[in-house]
Amino acid sequence: MLPNLPESNVKKVFVSAIMPSGMQKELNALGVECIYPQQAKNIKSELRFHPDIVICNACEGVWYAEKSNEQTFDFGELRHLDKDLGEKYPEDCLLNNLVAGNNVICGVSADTAIFGGKNIIKVRQSYAKCSTIAVTPDAFITSDAGIFKALKMHGSDVLPVTNERIELNGYDCGFIGGCSGKISGTLLVFTGDVRKHAQYEDIKSFCRNYGVEIYSLGKNNLYDYGGILPIC
């Protein structure tokens, strides 16, 4: 399965271990099994549970985690960075990279060697995956102005949005990419009620332009649980 952009219905996803059980049950009802990635060794905040912080789908079937990660699974190959994630930015987001087709959006501190021959789009925002949703390989939603500019220069269609009303404990706000994930080629799921986002109509319209519908888990405000990462 292509990283972040499944073409068919997903059977397994990585989610945060602290995602509410009600949301996980909704995913189960959609035919999706929830898997928890091993939490980060050195991060004290709830970011340590975030899939988009602790694990990265670098290419089809290949996942990267920090050096001390001992997780095992049978749905792909787990490789390791040569060091652990750190507590402070940007050392906490070495794996927070967005792979979309042949493109990779990543911060300047990312180890680009893990992506092989993919096209690297480097940006100042090291929370690249948190800040961005890949709707298609060339259509994105982002809350970061630098990522917006970089993707537009690359020729992609990009919808700029705000992070307002996206919650994350201990932070002023969460991120748009961190409260979402695709579970099929035509369905983008949000952790919380996306209708409460100030640009809900724009998000819905943008996604529909590419044949993608949006779905809300629960009725509360959007919450950044580190995204929903499709596995297989």
Foldseek 3Di string as FASTA:
>chain_A
DWWQAAAFFFQEWEFFPPQDPLLQVVCVVVNHHYDWFQFFDAADFLCSRACLQAKADLGAQEMEGAPPGPDDDDQGHYDYDPHGAHHDPPSRQLRNWDDAPLEIEAEPNHDCVSNPPGHYQYWPDRNHQQFWHPLHSQEIEGQDPRVVVSSVVVVGHYHHFHQPQAPDPPDPGGHPSQQWGDRHNAEIEGEEDLVPGPCSVVVQVSSVVVNHHYYYRDHHTTYRRNYIIGRD
